[in-house]
Amino acid sequence: MTLFQVDEWLDEYNDYMLLYKLFGDQTYLNEVEEIMKSMEKYVGRMLMHEKFKFAL
């Protein structure tokens, strides 16, 4: 994972939220939820990495 990918996720999140607000289609909200899950997994991995780095 790179910061570039995080930027892409945030861009997609903003795009899908805008579409959801404009049209109210649940499909867009589902995409937002998937993006959030991906970012949460990424942050969890990064926190674990930091935890192990400082444990050494």
Protein backbone atom coordinates (compact mmCIF):
# COMPACT_ATOMS: atom_id res chain seq x y z
CA MET A 1 0.00 0.00 0.00
CA THR A 2 1.18 3.45 -0.78
CA LEU A 3 0.08 6.96 0.01
CA PHE A 4 -0.93 7.20 -3.64
CA GLN A 5 -3.47 4.44 -3.09
CA VAL A 6 -4.84 6.23 -0.03
CA ASP A 7 -5.25 9.37 -2.12
CA GLU A 8 -7.15 7.34 -4.72
CA TRP A 9 -9.42 5.89 -2.04
CA LEU A 10 -10.14 9.36 -0.67
CA ASP A 11 -10.89 10.68 -4.16
CA GLU A 12 -13.24 7.76 -4.82
CA TYR A 13 -14.88 8.23 -1.43
CA ASN A 14 -15.56 11.90 -2.17
CA ASP A 15 -16.86 11.10 -5.66
CA TYR A 16 -19.23 8.38 -4.46
CA MET A 17 -20.47 10.49 -1.54
CA LEU A 18 -21.26 13.33 -3.93
CA LEU A 19 -23.13 10.96 -6.25
CA TYR A 20 -25.03 9.50 -3.30
CA LYS A 21 -26.00 12.97 -2.07
CA LEU A 22 -27.10 14.01 -5.57
CA PHE A 23 -29.04 10.88 -6.52
CA GLY A 24 -29.62 8.97 -3.28
CA ASP A 25 -28.77 5.65 -4.94
CA GLN A 26 -27.80 2.97 -2.38
CA THR A 27 -25.21 1.60 -4.83
CA TYR A 28 -23.05 4.68 -4.27
CA LEU A 29 -23.32 4.32 -0.50
CA ASN A 30 -22.30 0.66 -0.80
CA GLU A 31 -19.16 1.75 -2.64
CA VAL A 32 -18.40 4.27 0.11
CA GLU A 33 -18.68 1.49 2.71
CA GLU A 34 -16.29 -0.74 0.77
CA ILE A 35 -13.76 2.07 0.48
CA MET A 36 -13.99 2.69 4.23
CA LYS A 37 -13.41 -1.01 4.94
CA SER A 38 -10.31 -0.97 2.75
CA MET A 39 -8.93 2.11 4.46
CA GLU A 40 -9.65 0.65 7.92
CA LYS A 41 -7.73 -2.52 7.01
CA TYR A 42 -4.86 -0.43 5.71
CA VAL A 43 -4.70 1.68 8.85
CA GLY A 44 -4.83 -1.45 11.01
CA ARG A 45 -1.88 -2.94 9.13
CA MET A 46 0.07 0.29 9.42
CA LEU A 47 -0.57 0.44 13.18
CA MET A 48 0.59 -3.16 13.59
CA HIS A 49 3.70 -2.37 11.57
CA GLU A 50 4.46 0.62 13.79
CA LYS A 51 3.84 -1.46 16.89
CA PHE A 52 6.35 -4.12 15.79
CA LYS A 53 8.86 -1.53 14.65
CA PHE A 54 8.96 0.07 18.09
CA ALA A 55 8.96 -3.31 19.87
CA LEU A 56 12.30 -4.22 18.30
